[in-house]
Amino acid sequence: MTGRPRTIWLVAGEDSGDQLGAKLMRALREAAPDVVFGGVGGEAMAEAGFASLFPLDDVAVMGYLPVLARARTLLRRIRETVSAAVDARPDVLVIIDSPGFTHAVARRVRKVAPGIPIIDYVSPSVWAWRPWRAKGMRPFIDHVLALLPFEPDAHLRLGGPPCTYVGHPLIERLPELRPTASEQRRRESVPYSLVLLPGSRRSEIERLMPVFGAALARVAEGLAVEAVLPAVTRHRALIERLSAEWTVPVRIVTGEAPKYAAFREARAALAASGTVTLELALAGVPMVVAYKVSRAEEFIARRLIQVPSIVLPNLILAENAMPEFVQADCTPERLAGAVRSLLAGGAGRDAQLAALARIDGLMRLAANDTPSRAAARIVLRAAKRHASDPRA
């Protein structure tokens, strides 16, 4: 297999994986200009020069009912991906997130072509729920590229595959998240600037918007609060309709640039649990975190979730520095009290700021390194070993 360009197959299953795949492609080309790609991807990977086997929308399905409705298409696309990967005999197969689709591909490729190295870019949340999945990955995953710094220890503890922290893609966006000197002065001089983030899914928004609106009304009693709500574009109409019932006006913005601008000027945040809490942490915004699910989901979660917090920064810090109010605790009174404390300042705010200042050190990579470059190095090492193997 020597003497030919390295062939790397990438298989993404949804838009977030497509974005990671495109960045990885650029980093791989930077290190190995003659690399050849194949596999499954979306628009971002296509813009980087990738030809997908089929449209990503065919497999970008979430939720039990949508998956069941598309089962035939999904199974057909899994078979096509496996067949094409085995025929191509790449030097390495990189599956990117979306374990429902990508792990199904990886298992079948390993069974038919056991010599192809398989790397999983983005660890499933084995540290949070269904921990037995970590050990179950060993037969078909050779290496996991983790986005969160505590994940390698989790895989080691749970008997998972070798795992390396390569960094979260948000690290590459620190200049957009961090306030300038003038923005920092505004953050301190407008003491009641508050950013509200009720989630990105319709179900989250519908459950949290009424609670957030009532909490905001209590926070604003006697305070001149400036409230900004960054909305997911596809849900803006829903958010506008629900916020029209609020007694305190809120400025709604869409798009990442206005969202990050709001973060840079916010003195505090009230946010739904999710990746946005990590964005806020890297922006240095003290936060109160809330979440509500249906009773059925709560019943399942209580039996499966095995972490002391649902807030990513808390898990990275290994302490519950950011207060979280879940289910019955997610009330306007409790949220308002915690938010007012952060806006006013004092020991609670100072403690959060000190904790947030430690996030950088825990997530930092080597100087001038990026997550995509760190991931590319591991992928290319695996490809080189495979290409030099006389049995390959």
Protein backbone atom coordinates (compact mmCIF):
# COMPACT_ATOMS: atom_id res chain seq x y z
CA MET A 1 0.00 0.00 0.00
CA THR A 2 3.06 2.24 0.04
CA GLY A 3 3.57 4.65 -2.84
CA ARG A 4 -0.04 5.79 -3.04
CA PRO A 5 -1.70 8.79 -1.35
CA ARG A 6 -3.15 8.12 2.07
CA THR A 7 -6.85 7.42 1.83
CA ILE A 8 -8.98 8.60 4.75
CA TRP A 9 -12.66 7.88 5.01
CA LEU A 10 -14.85 10.22 7.03
CA VAL A 11 -18.40 9.30 8.01
CA ALA A 12 -20.56 12.00 9.62
CA GLY A 13 -24.20 11.61 10.56
CA GLU A 14 -25.48 15.14 11.19
CA ASP A 15 -24.64 18.83 10.76
CA SER A 16 -22.39 19.16 13.83
CA GLY A 17 -20.31 16.22 12.62
CA ASP A 18 -20.18 17.76 9.16
CA GLN A 19 -18.66 20.93 10.66
CA LEU A 20 -16.07 18.90 12.57
CA GLY A 21 -15.33 16.86 9.47
CA ALA A 22 -14.69 19.96 7.35
CA LYS A 23 -12.21 21.34 9.90
CA LEU A 24 -10.50 17.96 10.15
CA MET A 25 -10.18 17.78 6.36
CA ARG A 26 -8.42 21.15 6.26
CA ALA A 27 -6.04 20.12 9.05
CA LEU A 28 -5.30 16.81 7.33
CA ARG A 29 -4.56 18.53 4.02
CA GLU A 30 -2.31 21.00 5.83
CA ALA A 31 -0.24 18.09 7.19
CA ALA A 32 -0.57 15.73 4.18
CA PRO A 33 -1.49 17.64 0.98
CA ASP A 34 -1.95 14.50 -1.12
CA VAL A 35 -4.51 12.87 1.19
CA VAL A 36 -7.59 11.39 -0.54
CA PHE A 37 -11.03 11.47 1.12
CA GLY A 38 -14.19 9.44 0.82
CA GLY A 39 -17.30 8.72 2.84
CA VAL A 40 -20.39 10.58 4.02
CA GLY A 41 -20.67 14.29 4.81
CA GLY A 42 -22.70 17.43 4.36
CA GLU A 43 -22.43 20.95 3.00
CA ALA A 44 -19.42 22.06 5.06
CA MET A 45 -17.40 19.03 3.97
CA ALA A 46 -18.54 19.53 0.38
CA GLU A 47 -17.23 23.09 0.48
CA ALA A 48 -13.89 21.62 1.60
CA GLY A 49 -13.86 19.42 -1.51
CA PHE A 50 -15.61 16.28 -0.25
CA ALA A 51 -17.86 14.09 -2.44
CA SER A 52 -20.41 12.36 -0.21
CA LEU A 53 -21.83 8.96 -1.09
CA PHE A 54 -25.33 10.37 -0.55
CA PRO A 55 -26.99 13.47 1.01
CA LEU A 56 -26.40 13.80 4.74
CA ASP A 57 -30.12 14.48 5.24
CA ASP A 58 -30.77 10.81 4.47
CA VAL A 59 -29.23 9.82 7.83
CA ALA A 60 -29.43 13.01 9.92
CA VAL A 61 -32.38 11.78 11.97
CA MET A 62 -32.86 12.16 15.74
CA GLY A 63 -35.45 10.71 18.12
CA TYR A 64 -37.01 7.26 18.34
CA LEU A 65 -40.09 7.93 16.21
CA PRO A 66 -38.25 9.70 13.33
CA VAL A 67 -35.66 6.90 13.29
CA LEU A 68 -38.39 4.25 13.10
CA ALA A 69 -40.11 6.15 10.30
CA ARG A 70 -36.86 6.25 8.28
CA ALA A 71 -35.60 2.78 9.27
CA ARG A 72 -35.52 1.36 5.72
CA THR A 73 -33.57 4.31 4.35
CA LEU A 74 -31.15 4.27 7.28
CA LEU A 75 -30.45 0.55 6.96
CA ARG A 76 -29.91 0.90 3.21
CA ARG A 77 -27.51 3.80 3.70
CA ILE A 78 -25.60 1.89 6.39
CA ARG A 79 -25.16 -1.07 4.01
CA GLU A 80 -24.06 1.24 1.16
CA THR A 81 -21.54 3.03 3.37
CA VAL A 82 -20.05 -0.23 4.65
CA SER A 83 -19.82 -1.73 1.16
CA ALA A 84 -18.14 1.38 -0.27
CA ALA A 85 -15.71 1.65 2.67
CA VAL A 86 -14.69 -1.99 2.40
CA ASP A 87 -14.19 -1.66 -1.36
CA ALA A 88 -12.09 1.49 -0.90
CA ARG A 89 -9.87 -0.11 1.78
CA PRO A 90 -8.91 3.26 3.31
CA ASP A 91 -5.86 3.65 5.55
CA VAL A 92 -8.19 4.78 8.31
CA LEU A 93 -11.93 5.21 8.86
CA VAL A 94 -12.97 8.19 11.00
CA ILE A 95 -16.54 8.13 12.26
CA ILE A 96 -17.77 11.49 13.56
CA ASP A 97 -20.36 11.68 16.36
CA SER A 98 -23.94 10.38 15.68
CA PRO A 99 -23.28 6.93 17.17
CA GLY A 100 -26.66 5.57 16.12
CA PHE A 101 -25.51 5.72 12.48
CA THR A 102 -21.71 5.82 12.62
CA HIS A 103 -21.27 2.99 15.16
CA ALA A 104 -23.52 0.77 13.04
CA VAL A 105 -21.17 1.44 10.11
CA ALA A 106 -18.06 0.86 12.21
CA ARG A 107 -19.26 -2.49 13.60
CA ARG A 108 -19.98 -3.85 10.15
CA VAL A 109 -16.72 -2.56 8.63
CA ARG A 110 -14.73 -4.16 11.46
CA LYS A 111 -16.49 -7.49 10.87
CA VAL A 112 -15.85 -7.53 7.10
CA ALA A 113 -12.46 -5.74 6.99
CA PRO A 114 -10.86 -6.05 10.45
CA GLY A 115 -7.57 -4.55 9.30
CA ILE A 116 -8.96 -1.03 8.72
CA PRO A 117 -8.20 1.22 11.73
CA ILE A 118 -11.32 2.96 13.06
CA ILE A 119 -11.22 6.24 14.99
CA ASP A 120 -14.27 7.74 16.71
CA TYR A 121 -14.20 11.56 16.67
CA VAL A 122 -16.45 12.70 19.57
CA SER A 123 -17.01 10.33 22.43
CA PRO A 124 -20.56 9.22 23.20
CA SER A 125 -21.64 10.47 26.63
CA VAL A 126 -20.76 7.16 28.31
CA TRP A 127 -19.76 9.13 31.43
CA ALA A 128 -23.34 10.42 31.79
CA TRP A 129 -25.59 7.50 30.89
CA ARG A 130 -25.42 3.90 29.64
CA PRO A 131 -21.78 3.57 30.81
CA TRP A 132 -21.57 -0.02 29.52
CA ARG A 133 -21.32 1.44 26.01
CA ALA A 134 -17.66 2.34 26.66
CA LYS A 135 -16.56 -1.29 27.02
CA GLY A 136 -18.85 -2.27 24.16
CA MET A 137 -16.92 0.06 21.81
CA ARG A 138 -13.59 -1.75 22.23
CA PRO A 139 -14.19 -4.47 19.61
CA PHE A 140 -14.77 -1.97 16.79
CA ILE A 141 -13.15 1.33 17.84
CA ASP A 142 -9.35 1.66 18.00
CA HIS A 143 -9.14 5.20 19.34
CA VAL A 144 -11.54 7.88 20.60
CA LEU A 145 -10.88 11.58 20.04
CA ALA A 146 -12.49 13.40 22.97
CA LEU A 147 -13.82 16.97 23.01
CA LEU A 148 -13.97 17.22 26.81
CA PRO A 149 -10.92 16.93 29.10
CA PHE A 150 -12.46 14.46 31.56
CA GLU A 151 -13.45 11.91 28.90
CA PRO A 152 -10.12 9.99 28.65
CA ASP A 153 -10.28 9.20 32.38
CA ALA A 154 -13.92 8.16 31.98
CA HIS A 155 -13.06 5.67 29.21
CA LEU A 156 -10.15 4.32 31.23
CA ARG A 157 -12.40 3.84 34.27
CA LEU A 158 -15.19 2.24 32.23
CA GLY A 159 -12.97 -0.06 30.15
CA GLY A 160 -13.46 1.83 26.89
CA PRO A 161 -11.03 2.17 23.95
CA PRO A 162 -7.86 4.31 24.16
CA CYS A 163 -9.02 7.93 24.32
CA THR A 164 -7.18 11.23 23.79
CA TYR A 165 -8.42 14.73 24.56
CA VAL A 166 -7.99 16.79 21.39
CA GLY A 167 -9.93 19.88 22.48
CA HIS A 168 -13.39 21.27 21.95
CA PRO A 169 -14.02 23.23 18.72
CA LEU A 170 -15.15 26.20 20.83
CA ILE A 171 -11.49 26.72 21.77
CA GLU A 172 -10.96 27.97 18.22
CA ARG A 173 -13.63 30.63 18.78
CA LEU A 174 -12.25 32.24 21.92
CA PRO A 175 -11.62 35.61 20.18
CA GLU A 176 -15.36 35.77 19.39
CA LEU A 177 -16.38 34.77 22.91
CA ARG A 178 -14.04 36.91 24.99
CA PRO A 179 -15.01 40.55 25.68
CA THR A 180 -12.77 43.37 24.52
CA ALA A 181 -11.64 45.93 27.08
CA SER A 182 -14.56 48.23 26.20
CA GLU A 183 -17.05 45.36 26.34
CA GLN A 184 -15.68 44.29 29.71
CA ARG A 185 -16.15 47.84 30.99
CA ARG A 186 -19.75 47.80 29.74
CA ARG A 187 -20.29 44.42 31.43
CA GLU A 188 -19.28 45.99 34.73
CA SER A 189 -20.92 49.39 34.20
CA VAL A 190 -24.36 48.03 33.20
CA PRO A 191 -24.90 45.83 36.24
CA TYR A 192 -28.23 44.41 35.18
CA SER A 193 -27.44 43.11 31.66
CA LEU A 194 -28.85 39.59 31.42
CA VAL A 195 -28.79 37.04 28.60
CA LEU A 196 -31.55 34.41 28.42
CA LEU A 197 -31.09 31.08 26.64
CA PRO A 198 -34.17 28.81 26.80
CA GLY A 199 -32.71 26.06 24.57
CA SER A 200 -32.45 25.15 20.90
CA ARG A 201 -35.15 22.46 20.68
CA ARG A 202 -38.83 23.28 20.41
CA SER A 203 -39.71 21.13 23.43
CA GLU A 204 -37.11 22.91 25.57
CA ILE A 205 -38.34 26.33 24.49
CA GLU A 206 -41.99 25.53 25.14
CA ARG A 207 -41.23 24.25 28.66
CA LEU A 208 -38.74 26.91 29.72
CA MET A 209 -40.01 30.15 28.15
CA PRO A 210 -42.94 30.60 30.59
CA VAL A 211 -40.66 29.90 33.56
CA PHE A 212 -37.93 32.22 32.25
CA GLY A 213 -40.47 35.00 31.62
CA ALA A 214 -41.84 34.76 35.16
CA ALA A 215 -38.32 34.64 36.58
CA LEU A 216 -37.31 37.71 34.57
CA ALA A 217 -40.32 39.60 35.95
CA ARG A 218 -39.14 38.88 39.48
CA VAL A 219 -35.53 39.76 38.68
CA ALA A 220 -36.65 43.10 37.23
CA GLU A 221 -38.57 44.17 40.34
CA GLY A 222 -36.78 47.38 41.29
CA LEU A 223 -33.93 46.76 38.79
CA ALA A 224 -33.45 48.23 35.31
CA VAL A 225 -32.69 44.92 33.61
CA GLU A 226 -31.44 44.85 30.00
CA ALA A 227 -32.52 41.42 28.73
CA VAL A 228 -31.28 39.83 25.50
CA LEU A 229 -32.48 36.49 24.14
CA PRO A 230 -30.38 34.86 21.37
CA ALA A 231 -32.84 32.69 19.44
CA VAL A 232 -32.31 29.77 17.11
CA THR A 233 -33.44 31.13 13.74
CA ARG A 234 -35.92 28.34 13.01
CA HIS A 235 -37.64 28.93 16.37
CA ARG A 236 -37.66 32.75 16.36
CA ALA A 237 -41.40 33.00 15.61
CA LEU A 238 -42.19 30.66 18.50
CA ILE A 239 -39.96 32.64 20.86
CA GLU A 240 -41.47 35.95 19.76
CA ARG A 241 -44.97 34.59 20.37
CA LEU A 242 -44.13 33.24 23.83
CA SER A 243 -42.14 36.30 24.90
CA ALA A 244 -45.01 38.60 23.87
CA GLU A 245 -46.73 37.46 27.06
CA TRP A 246 -43.80 38.57 29.25
CA THR A 247 -44.16 41.67 31.41
CA VAL A 248 -40.51 42.69 30.89
CA PRO A 249 -39.34 43.52 27.35
CA VAL A 250 -36.57 41.38 25.87
CA ARG A 251 -34.43 42.02 22.80
CA ILE A 252 -34.41 38.95 20.54
CA VAL A 253 -31.40 38.36 18.27
CA THR A 254 -30.53 35.57 15.85
CA GLY A 255 -27.23 34.36 14.43
CA GLU A 256 -23.98 33.45 16.12
CA ALA A 257 -22.33 36.89 15.85
CA PRO A 258 -25.14 38.71 17.73
CA LYS A 259 -25.29 35.85 20.24
CA TYR A 260 -21.59 36.09 21.03
CA ALA A 261 -21.85 39.89 21.18
CA ALA A 262 -24.58 39.47 23.82
CA PHE A 263 -22.33 37.07 25.75
CA ARG A 264 -19.45 39.53 25.70
CA GLU A 265 -21.60 42.23 27.30
CA ALA A 266 -23.73 40.13 29.66
CA ARG A 267 -23.16 40.35 33.38
CA ALA A 268 -25.06 37.10 33.97
CA ALA A 269 -27.03 34.43 32.12
CA LEU A 270 -30.07 32.25 32.67
CA ALA A 271 -29.61 29.23 30.42
CA ALA A 272 -30.97 25.81 29.57
CA SER A 273 -28.49 23.01 30.13
CA GLY A 274 -26.47 22.18 27.01
CA THR A 275 -23.40 23.17 25.00
CA VAL A 276 -24.37 26.83 25.45
CA THR A 277 -23.23 26.60 29.09
CA LEU A 278 -19.72 25.84 27.84
CA GLU A 279 -19.90 28.83 25.49
CA LEU A 280 -20.92 31.03 28.42
CA ALA A 281 -18.14 29.61 30.58
CA LEU A 282 -15.49 30.36 27.97
CA ALA A 283 -16.96 33.86 27.62
CA GLY A 284 -16.62 34.30 31.39
CA VAL A 285 -20.34 34.83 32.02
CA PRO A 286 -21.65 33.68 35.44
CA MET A 287 -24.78 31.63 34.95
CA VAL A 288 -27.82 29.98 36.43
CA VAL A 289 -28.74 26.75 34.65
CA ALA A 290 -32.26 25.31 34.36
CA TYR A 291 -33.87 22.31 32.72
CA LYS A 292 -37.26 20.61 32.50
CA VAL A 293 -38.34 17.45 30.71
CA SER A 294 -41.54 15.42 30.57
CA ARG A 295 -42.38 13.07 33.42
CA ALA A 296 -41.65 10.05 31.23
CA GLU A 297 -38.22 11.43 30.33
CA GLU A 298 -37.57 12.23 33.98
CA PHE A 299 -38.45 8.66 34.98
CA ILE A 300 -35.94 7.26 32.47
CA ALA A 301 -33.25 9.85 33.23
CA ARG A 302 -33.27 9.19 36.97
CA ARG A 303 -32.41 5.57 36.27
CA LEU A 304 -29.79 6.12 33.57
CA ILE A 305 -27.95 9.39 34.25
CA GLN A 306 -24.93 8.82 36.48
CA VAL A 307 -23.26 12.22 36.84
CA PRO A 308 -23.40 14.70 39.74
CA SER A 309 -24.34 17.59 37.43
CA ILE A 310 -25.93 18.13 34.02
CA VAL A 311 -23.84 21.29 33.46
CA LEU A 312 -20.76 20.75 31.27
CA PRO A 313 -18.59 23.39 33.00
CA ASN A 314 -19.36 21.74 36.35
CA LEU A 315 -18.24 18.37 35.00
CA ILE A 316 -15.03 19.88 33.61
CA LEU A 317 -14.34 21.66 36.92
CA ALA A 318 -15.33 18.58 38.98
CA GLU A 319 -17.41 20.82 41.22
CA ASN A 320 -20.94 22.22 41.11
CA ALA A 321 -19.84 25.84 40.73
CA MET A 322 -22.80 26.83 38.52
CA PRO A 323 -26.17 26.41 40.26
CA GLU A 324 -28.64 24.19 38.43
CA PHE A 325 -32.39 23.98 38.90
CA VAL A 326 -33.96 20.89 37.39
CA GLN A 327 -37.57 19.69 37.21
CA ALA A 328 -39.43 20.61 40.45
CA ASP A 329 -36.61 22.97 41.42
CA CYS A 330 -36.96 24.88 38.14
CA THR A 331 -39.33 27.57 39.45
CA PRO A 332 -39.48 31.32 38.73
CA GLU A 333 -38.80 32.10 42.41
CA ARG A 334 -35.66 29.96 42.65
CA LEU A 335 -34.29 31.08 39.29
CA ALA A 336 -34.92 34.74 40.04
CA GLY A 337 -33.22 34.56 43.43
CA ALA A 338 -30.10 32.95 41.96
CA VAL A 339 -29.96 35.40 39.02
CA ARG A 340 -30.39 38.48 41.22
CA SER A 341 -27.49 37.27 43.36
CA LEU A 342 -25.22 37.06 40.30
CA LEU A 343 -26.29 40.48 39.00
CA ALA A 344 -25.81 42.17 42.37
CA GLY A 345 -22.34 40.78 42.99
CA GLY A 346 -20.83 39.41 46.15
CA ALA A 347 -19.41 36.08 47.28
CA GLY A 348 -21.54 33.91 44.98
CA ARG A 349 -20.61 35.85 41.87
CA ASP A 350 -16.94 36.00 42.86
CA ALA A 351 -16.86 32.23 43.42
CA GLN A 352 -18.31 31.58 39.96
CA LEU A 353 -15.86 33.96 38.30
CA ALA A 354 -12.96 32.21 40.04
CA ALA A 355 -14.26 28.82 38.85
CA LEU A 356 -14.76 30.08 35.30
CA ALA A 357 -11.17 31.36 35.27
CA ARG A 358 -9.99 27.76 35.76
CA ILE A 359 -11.83 26.49 32.67
CA ASP A 360 -9.10 27.77 30.34
CA GLY A 361 -6.35 25.81 32.04
CA LEU A 362 -8.39 22.61 31.99
CA MET A 363 -9.31 22.89 28.30
CA ARG A 364 -6.13 24.50 26.95
CA LEU A 365 -4.07 22.84 24.23
CA ALA A 366 -0.39 23.45 23.46
CA ALA A 367 0.53 26.85 22.06
CA ASN A 368 -0.67 27.39 18.47
CA ASP A 369 -2.44 24.02 18.48
CA THR A 370 -6.11 23.56 17.57
CA PRO A 371 -8.55 20.68 18.08
CA SER A 372 -8.61 19.86 14.38
CA ARG A 373 -4.79 19.74 14.16
CA ALA A 374 -4.58 17.58 17.27
CA ALA A 375 -7.17 15.22 15.80
CA ALA A 376 -5.41 15.18 12.42
CA ARG A 377 -2.11 14.09 13.97
CA ILE A 378 -3.71 11.02 15.54
CA VAL A 379 -5.59 10.15 12.34
CA LEU A 380 -2.44 10.44 10.23
CA ARG A 381 -0.43 8.30 12.65
CA ALA A 382 -3.05 5.56 12.35
CA ALA A 383 -3.09 5.91 8.56
CA LYS A 384 0.73 5.73 8.40
CA ARG A 385 0.85 2.58 10.52
CA HIS A 386 -1.78 0.95 8.34
CA ALA A 387 -0.11 1.96 5.07
CA SER A 388 3.22 0.52 6.21
CA ASP A 389 1.68 -2.76 7.40
CA PRO A 390 2.61 -5.47 4.87
CA ARG A 391 -0.61 -7.32 5.73
CA ALA A 392 -2.77 -4.31 4.75
